[in-house]
């Protein structure tokens, strides 16, 4: 199946790294409100800009006069980020790269990005959330997530439910067919021995990677 990648520019913090450029290279781009500020640092021009524009000042709007804008009222039932995701899917996205999805001033928005991503993966989409320095990969039951990581880089597996059959490979603290209780910190701060892979048989989880943090080396 052909993969159609969309980068979604969201409002959280962003560090432009080589890994981020490789991740987003060649993808189509949609901006959500104030996430448009990341377009300049990434050197991209979105094909669509959506939102209620309460986080976009007149200077930012003036710098992108040719980008199609689709405005929504501030009093709406979804976030600007979720609108951007829906637009990407309507345009054929199978892979969603959510840039500026982690951190920033609004922790409620960052957590909602996690929850939305978990639902998208269960619907068959490939999703990554990134700040440039951190990357979050939701993964579904009965599938395997493989990730290129430098030796010594930190990563964690966050269980959003009880996890059954959790397996972590090529890590300092591997697991095989493990049952992780909901809320357990057992899988926080693991260390990659190089490329890693994770899988589970039941539950909902996110792998949070810190590829530039080599404090475990």
C-alpha atoms as a PDB file:
ATOM      1  CA  UNK A   1       0.000   0.000   0.000  1.00  0.00           C
ATOM      2  CA  UNK A   2       1.264   3.491  -0.839  1.00  0.00           C
ATOM      3  CA  UNK A   3       2.019   5.638   2.193  1.00  0.00           C
ATOM      4  CA  UNK A   4       0.795   9.229   2.052  1.00  0.00           C
ATOM      5  CA  UNK A   5       2.508  11.290   4.765  1.00  0.00           C
ATOM      6  CA  UNK A   6       1.203  14.545   6.182  1.00  0.00           C
ATOM      7  CA  UNK A   7       3.073  16.764   8.621  1.00  0.00           C
ATOM      8  CA  UNK A   8       0.707  18.626  10.945  1.00  0.00           C
ATOM      9  CA  UNK A   9       2.103  21.808  12.486  1.00  0.00           C
ATOM     10  CA  UNK A  10       0.716  22.111  16.024  1.00  0.00           C
ATOM     11  CA  UNK A  11       1.162  24.733  18.702  1.00  0.00           C
ATOM     12  CA  UNK A  12       3.658  23.112  21.093  1.00  0.00           C
ATOM     13  CA  UNK A  13       7.401  23.734  21.351  1.00  0.00           C
ATOM     14  CA  UNK A  14       9.764  22.558  18.623  1.00  0.00           C
ATOM     15  CA  UNK A  15      13.495  22.044  18.140  1.00  0.00           C
ATOM     16  CA  UNK A  16      14.490  21.558  14.506  1.00  0.00           C
ATOM     17  CA  UNK A  17      16.869  18.578  14.453  1.00  0.00           C
ATOM     18  CA  UNK A  18      18.326  16.388  11.711  1.00  0.00           C
ATOM     19  CA  UNK A  19      16.047  13.589  12.839  1.00  0.00           C
ATOM     20  CA  UNK A  20      13.000  15.855  12.559  1.00  0.00           C
ATOM     21  CA  UNK A  21      13.966  16.955   9.043  1.00  0.00           C
ATOM     22  CA  UNK A  22      14.382  13.317   7.978  1.00  0.00           C
ATOM     23  CA  UNK A  23      11.029  12.423   9.537  1.00  0.00           C
ATOM     24  CA  UNK A  24       9.082  15.187   7.775  1.00  0.00           C
ATOM     25  CA  UNK A  25      10.973  15.319   4.479  1.00  0.00           C
ATOM     26  CA  UNK A  26       8.783  14.867   1.400  1.00  0.00           C
ATOM     27  CA  UNK A  27       5.490  15.002   3.280  1.00  0.00           C
ATOM     28  CA  UNK A  28       2.536  17.276   2.623  1.00  0.00           C
ATOM     29  CA  UNK A  29       1.885  19.895   5.309  1.00  0.00           C
ATOM     30  CA  UNK A  30      -1.169  21.308   7.107  1.00  0.00           C
ATOM     31  CA  UNK A  31      -0.902  23.939   9.860  1.00  0.00           C
ATOM     32  CA  UNK A  32      -3.202  24.287  12.858  1.00  0.00           C
ATOM     33  CA  UNK A  33      -3.530  27.898  14.040  1.00  0.00           C
ATOM     34  CA  UNK A  34      -0.334  29.028  15.862  1.00  0.00           C
ATOM     35  CA  UNK A  35       1.506  25.927  14.707  1.00  0.00           C
ATOM     36  CA  UNK A  36       2.124  27.867  11.490  1.00  0.00           C
ATOM     37  CA  UNK A  37       5.072  29.554  13.224  1.00  0.00           C
ATOM     38  CA  UNK A  38       7.016  26.291  12.774  1.00  0.00           C
ATOM     39  CA  UNK A  39       6.729  26.490   8.975  1.00  0.00           C
ATOM     40  CA  UNK A  40       9.560  28.993   8.645  1.00  0.00           C
ATOM     41  CA  UNK A  41      12.035  27.060  10.783  1.00  0.00           C
ATOM     42  CA  UNK A  42      11.230  23.863   8.878  1.00  0.00           C
ATOM     43  CA  UNK A  43      11.382  25.641   5.516  1.00  0.00           C
ATOM     44  CA  UNK A  44       7.928  24.423   4.425  1.00  0.00           C
ATOM     45  CA  UNK A  45       4.779  26.030   3.054  1.00  0.00           C
ATOM     46  CA  UNK A  46       1.564  24.309   4.163  1.00  0.00           C
ATOM     47  CA  UNK A  47      -1.163  23.598   1.641  1.00  0.00           C
ATOM     48  CA  UNK A  48      -3.822  24.485   4.236  1.00  0.00           C
ATOM     49  CA  UNK A  49      -4.048  26.498   7.461  1.00  0.00           C
ATOM     50  CA  UNK A  50      -6.970  25.760   9.792  1.00  0.00           C
ATOM     51  CA  UNK A  51      -8.228  26.954  13.141  1.00  0.00           C
ATOM     52  CA  UNK A  52      -9.943  29.752  14.985  1.00  0.00           C
ATOM     53  CA  UNK A  53      -6.733  31.835  14.691  1.00  0.00           C
ATOM     54  CA  UNK A  54      -6.755  32.983  18.286  1.00  0.00           C
ATOM     55  CA  UNK A  55      -3.070  31.965  18.498  1.00  0.00           C
ATOM     56  CA  UNK A  56      -1.980  33.608  15.230  1.00  0.00           C
ATOM     57  CA  UNK A  57      -1.053  37.290  15.339  1.00  0.00           C
ATOM     58  CA  UNK A  58      -1.379  39.624  12.381  1.00  0.00           C
ATOM     59  CA  UNK A  59       2.356  39.408  11.662  1.00  0.00           C
ATOM     60  CA  UNK A  60       2.228  35.621  11.276  1.00  0.00           C
ATOM     61  CA  UNK A  61      -0.838  35.840   9.046  1.00  0.00           C
ATOM     62  CA  UNK A  62       0.834  38.483   6.887  1.00  0.00           C
ATOM     63  CA  UNK A  63       3.873  36.267   6.282  1.00  0.00           C
ATOM     64  CA  UNK A  64       1.766  33.554   4.625  1.00  0.00           C
ATOM     65  CA  UNK A  65      -0.714  35.438   2.420  1.00  0.00           C
ATOM     66  CA  UNK A  66      -0.956  32.734  -0.259  1.00  0.00           C
ATOM     67  CA  UNK A  67      -1.726  29.757   2.015  1.00  0.00           C
ATOM     68  CA  UNK A  68      -5.376  28.716   1.947  1.00  0.00           C
ATOM     69  CA  UNK A  69      -6.995  29.502   5.300  1.00  0.00           C
ATOM     70  CA  UNK A  70     -10.074  27.779   6.671  1.00  0.00           C
ATOM     71  CA  UNK A  71     -11.490  29.558   9.718  1.00  0.00           C
ATOM     72  CA  UNK A  72     -13.586  28.043  12.508  1.00  0.00           C
ATOM     73  CA  UNK A  73     -15.358  29.708  15.449  1.00  0.00           C
ATOM     74  CA  UNK A  74     -13.601  29.749  18.808  1.00  0.00           C
ATOM     75  CA  UNK A  75     -16.645  28.056  20.373  1.00  0.00           C
ATOM     76  CA  UNK A  76     -16.351  24.660  18.704  1.00  0.00           C
ATOM     77  CA  UNK A  77     -16.438  21.030  19.811  1.00  0.00           C
ATOM     78  CA  UNK A  78     -12.944  20.027  18.578  1.00  0.00           C
ATOM     79  CA  UNK A  79      -9.417  21.414  18.824  1.00  0.00           C
ATOM     80  CA  UNK A  80      -7.605  23.016  15.903  1.00  0.00           C
ATOM     81  CA  UNK A  81      -5.213  20.062  15.952  1.00  0.00           C
ATOM     82  CA  UNK A  82      -8.024  17.555  15.552  1.00  0.00           C
ATOM     83  CA  UNK A  83      -9.406  19.606  12.657  1.00  0.00           C
ATOM     84  CA  UNK A  84      -5.983  19.457  10.992  1.00  0.00           C
ATOM     85  CA  UNK A  85      -5.874  15.670  11.447  1.00  0.00           C
ATOM     86  CA  UNK A  86      -9.332  15.302   9.896  1.00  0.00           C
ATOM     87  CA  UNK A  87      -8.317  17.454   6.921  1.00  0.00           C
ATOM     88  CA  UNK A  88      -5.194  15.351   6.350  1.00  0.00           C
ATOM     89  CA  UNK A  89      -7.200  12.127   6.453  1.00  0.00           C
ATOM     90  CA  UNK A  90      -9.755  13.579   4.036  1.00  0.00           C
ATOM     91  CA  UNK A  91      -6.852  14.278   1.655  1.00  0.00           C
ATOM     92  CA  UNK A  92      -5.651  10.680   1.799  1.00  0.00           C
ATOM     93  CA  UNK A  93      -3.197  10.612   4.712  1.00  0.00           C
ATOM     94  CA  UNK A  94      -2.090   7.198   5.951  1.00  0.00           C
ATOM     95  CA  UNK A  95       0.844   8.510   8.014  1.00  0.00           C
ATOM     96  CA  UNK A  96       0.508  11.499  10.357  1.00  0.00           C
ATOM     97  CA  UNK A  97       3.555  13.350  11.727  1.00  0.00           C
ATOM     98  CA  UNK A  98       2.358  15.685  14.463  1.00  0.00           C
ATOM     99  CA  UNK A  99       5.025  18.364  14.904  1.00  0.00           C
ATOM    100  CA  UNK A 100       4.832  20.531  18.017  1.00  0.00           C
ATOM    101  CA  UNK A 101       2.575  17.944  19.672  1.00  0.00           C
ATOM    102  CA  UNK A 102       4.628  17.556  22.871  1.00  0.00           C
ATOM    103  CA  UNK A 103       5.264  20.151  25.554  1.00  0.00           C
ATOM    104  CA  UNK A 104       4.435  23.830  25.252  1.00  0.00           C
ATOM    105  CA  UNK A 105       2.207  25.895  27.507  1.00  0.00           C
ATOM    106  CA  UNK A 106      -0.895  23.689  27.252  1.00  0.00           C
ATOM    107  CA  UNK A 107      -0.400  20.290  28.882  1.00  0.00           C
ATOM    108  CA  UNK A 108      -4.072  19.515  28.253  1.00  0.00           C
ATOM    109  CA  UNK A 109      -3.492  19.836  24.510  1.00  0.00           C
ATOM    110  CA  UNK A 110      -0.359  17.664  24.677  1.00  0.00           C
ATOM    111  CA  UNK A 111      -2.253  14.921  26.545  1.00  0.00           C
ATOM    112  CA  UNK A 112      -5.128  15.144  24.076  1.00  0.00           C
ATOM    113  CA  UNK A 113      -2.637  14.607  21.224  1.00  0.00           C
ATOM    114  CA  UNK A 114      -1.585  11.357  22.945  1.00  0.00           C
ATOM    115  CA  UNK A 115      -5.168  10.171  23.289  1.00  0.00           C
ATOM    116  CA  UNK A 116      -6.117  11.111  19.734  1.00  0.00           C
ATOM    117  CA  UNK A 117      -3.020   9.344  18.407  1.00  0.00           C
ATOM    118  CA  UNK A 118      -3.928   6.118  20.233  1.00  0.00           C
ATOM    119  CA  UNK A 119      -7.330   6.127  18.570  1.00  0.00           C
ATOM    120  CA  UNK A 120      -5.824   6.832  15.139  1.00  0.00           C
ATOM    121  CA  UNK A 121      -3.416   3.896  15.418  1.00  0.00           C
ATOM    122  CA  UNK A 122      -6.292   1.575  16.276  1.00  0.00           C
ATOM    123  CA  UNK A 123      -8.007   2.826  13.107  1.00  0.00           C
ATOM    124  CA  UNK A 124      -4.973   1.749  11.074  1.00  0.00           C
ATOM    125  CA  UNK A 125      -3.021   5.011  10.705  1.00  0.00           C
ATOM    126  CA  UNK A 126       0.695   5.362  11.380  1.00  0.00           C
ATOM    127  CA  UNK A 127       1.285   8.223  13.831  1.00  0.00           C
ATOM    128  CA  UNK A 128       4.263   9.941  15.403  1.00  0.00           C
ATOM    129  CA  UNK A 129       4.187  12.939  17.750  1.00  0.00           C
ATOM    130  CA  UNK A 130       7.366  14.984  18.004  1.00  0.00           C
ATOM    131  CA  UNK A 131       8.992  18.043  19.524  1.00  0.00           C
ATOM    132  CA  UNK A 132      12.180  17.409  17.574  1.00  0.00           C
ATOM    133  CA  UNK A 133      13.985  16.279  20.722  1.00  0.00           C
ATOM    134  CA  UNK A 134      11.336  13.780  21.869  1.00  0.00           C
ATOM    135  CA  UNK A 135       9.234  11.415  19.764  1.00  0.00           C
ATOM    136  CA  UNK A 136       6.070   9.563  20.811  1.00  0.00           C
ATOM    137  CA  UNK A 137       4.873   6.471  18.934  1.00  0.00           C
ATOM    138  CA  UNK A 138       1.494   4.963  19.838  1.00  0.00           C
ATOM    139  CA  UNK A 139       1.313   1.275  19.055  1.00  0.00           C
ATOM    140  CA  UNK A 140      -1.549  -1.140  18.839  1.00  0.00           C
ATOM    141  CA  UNK A 141      -2.044  -4.693  20.050  1.00  0.00           C
ATOM    142  CA  UNK A 142      -0.934  -7.535  17.783  1.00  0.00           C
ATOM    143  CA  UNK A 143       1.552  -5.346  15.905  1.00  0.00           C
ATOM    144  CA  UNK A 144       5.260  -4.603  16.243  1.00  0.00           C
ATOM    145  CA  UNK A 145       6.826  -1.143  16.397  1.00  0.00           C
ATOM    146  CA  UNK A 146      10.466  -0.960  15.282  1.00  0.00           C
ATOM    147  CA  UNK A 147      12.466   2.220  15.848  1.00  0.00           C
ATOM    148  CA  UNK A 148      15.979   3.322  14.938  1.00  0.00           C
ATOM    149  CA  UNK A 149      17.692   4.553  18.105  1.00  0.00           C
ATOM    150  CA  UNK A 150      21.317   5.378  18.986  1.00  0.00           C
ATOM    151  CA  UNK A 151      22.929   3.103  21.524  1.00  0.00           C
ATOM    152  CA  UNK A 152      22.512   4.630  24.981  1.00  0.00           C
ATOM    153  CA  UNK A 153      19.424   6.715  24.133  1.00  0.00           C
ATOM    154  CA  UNK A 154      16.595   6.829  26.662  1.00  0.00           C
ATOM    155  CA  UNK A 155      13.049   5.652  25.998  1.00  0.00           C
ATOM    156  CA  UNK A 156       9.954   4.736  27.994  1.00  0.00           C
ATOM    157  CA  UNK A 157       6.817   2.723  27.351  1.00  0.00           C
ATOM    158  CA  UNK A 158       3.707   4.413  28.754  1.00  0.00           C
ATOM    159  CA  UNK A 159       0.722   2.155  29.375  1.00  0.00           C
ATOM    160  CA  UNK A 160      -2.637   3.884  28.969  1.00  0.00           C
ATOM    161  CA  UNK A 161      -4.316   0.655  30.103  1.00  0.00           C
ATOM    162  CA  UNK A 162      -3.119  -2.575  31.669  1.00  0.00           C
ATOM    163  CA  UNK A 163      -0.747  -4.118  29.107  1.00  0.00           C
ATOM    164  CA  UNK A 164      -0.616  -7.818  28.335  1.00  0.00           C
ATOM    165  CA  UNK A 165       2.088  -9.628  26.390  1.00  0.00           C
ATOM    166  CA  UNK A 166       4.436  -6.629  26.367  1.00  0.00           C
ATOM    167  CA  UNK A 167       7.773  -7.419  24.739  1.00  0.00           C
ATOM    168  CA  UNK A 168      10.721  -4.980  24.536  1.00  0.00           C
ATOM    169  CA  UNK A 169      13.716  -6.037  22.438  1.00  0.00           C
ATOM    170  CA  UNK A 170      17.331  -4.821  22.213  1.00  0.00           C
ATOM    171  CA  UNK A 171      17.160  -2.719  25.364  1.00  0.00           C
ATOM    172  CA  UNK A 172      19.183  -2.736  28.563  1.00  0.00           C
ATOM    173  CA  UNK A 173      16.032  -3.872  30.350  1.00  0.00           C
ATOM    174  CA  UNK A 174      14.258  -6.217  27.928  1.00  0.00           C
ATOM    175  CA  UNK A 175      10.879  -7.777  28.605  1.00  0.00           C
ATOM    176  CA  UNK A 176       9.228 -10.847  27.141  1.00  0.00           C
ATOM    177  CA  UNK A 177       5.454 -11.413  27.192  1.00  0.00           C
ATOM    178  CA  UNK A 178       5.154  -9.200  30.291  1.00  0.00           C
ATOM    179  CA  UNK A 179       1.970  -8.087  32.072  1.00  0.00           C
ATOM    180  CA  UNK A 180       2.243  -4.422  33.086  1.00  0.00           C
ATOM    181  CA  UNK A 181      -0.338  -3.139  35.585  1.00  0.00           C
ATOM    182  CA  UNK A 182      -1.999   0.163  34.732  1.00  0.00           C
ATOM    183  CA  UNK A 183      -0.062   3.008  36.373  1.00  0.00           C
ATOM    184  CA  UNK A 184       3.158   1.013  36.860  1.00  0.00           C
ATOM    185  CA  UNK A 185       6.487   2.834  36.340  1.00  0.00           C
ATOM    186  CA  UNK A 186       8.309  -0.423  35.503  1.00  0.00           C
ATOM    187  CA  UNK A 187       8.836   0.614  31.842  1.00  0.00           C
ATOM    188  CA  UNK A 188      10.034   4.183  32.448  1.00  0.00           C
ATOM    189  CA  UNK A 189      13.650   5.171  31.574  1.00  0.00           C
ATOM    190  CA  UNK A 190      14.856   2.196  29.584  1.00  0.00           C
ATOM    191  CA  UNK A 191      18.029   2.412  27.465  1.00  0.00           C
ATOM    192  CA  UNK A 192      18.358   1.405  23.816  1.00  0.00           C
ATOM    193  CA  UNK A 193      21.178  -0.893  22.751  1.00  0.00           C
ATOM    194  CA  UNK A 194      20.631   0.270  19.172  1.00  0.00           C
ATOM    195  CA  UNK A 195      17.451  -0.174  17.103  1.00  0.00           C
ATOM    196  CA  UNK A 196      14.614  -1.314  19.367  1.00  0.00           C
ATOM    197  CA  UNK A 197      11.250  -2.959  18.877  1.00  0.00           C
ATOM    198  CA  UNK A 198       8.170  -3.323  21.065  1.00  0.00           C
ATOM    199  CA  UNK A 199       4.949  -5.280  20.799  1.00  0.00           C
ATOM    200  CA  UNK A 200       1.997  -6.281  22.948  1.00  0.00           C
ATOM    201  CA  UNK A 201      -0.982  -8.597  22.722  1.00  0.00           C
ATOM    202  CA  UNK A 202      -3.526  -6.439  24.549  1.00  0.00           C
ATOM    203  CA  UNK A 203      -3.796  -2.823  25.684  1.00  0.00           C
ATOM    204  CA  UNK A 204      -2.937   0.706  24.579  1.00  0.00           C
ATOM    205  CA  UNK A 205       0.567   2.120  24.853  1.00  0.00           C
ATOM    206  CA  UNK A 206       2.916   4.826  23.637  1.00  0.00           C
ATOM    207  CA  UNK A 207       6.678   4.559  23.244  1.00  0.00           C
ATOM    208  CA  UNK A 208       8.271   7.885  24.208  1.00  0.00           C
ATOM    209  CA  UNK A 209      11.794   8.152  22.765  1.00  0.00           C
ATOM    210  CA  UNK A 210      14.566  10.633  23.569  1.00  0.00           C
ATOM    211  CA  UNK A 211      17.022   9.899  20.734  1.00  0.00           C
ATOM    212  CA  UNK A 212      19.327  12.820  21.598  1.00  0.00           C
ATOM    213  CA  UNK A 213      19.486  11.974  25.316  1.00  0.00           C
ATOM    214  CA  UNK A 214      22.461   9.622  25.617  1.00  0.00           C
ATOM    215  CA  UNK A 215      22.727   9.831  29.394  1.00  0.00           C
ATOM    216  CA  UNK A 216      22.268   6.074  29.550  1.00  0.00           C
ATOM    217  CA  UNK A 217      25.376   5.347  27.445  1.00  0.00           C
END
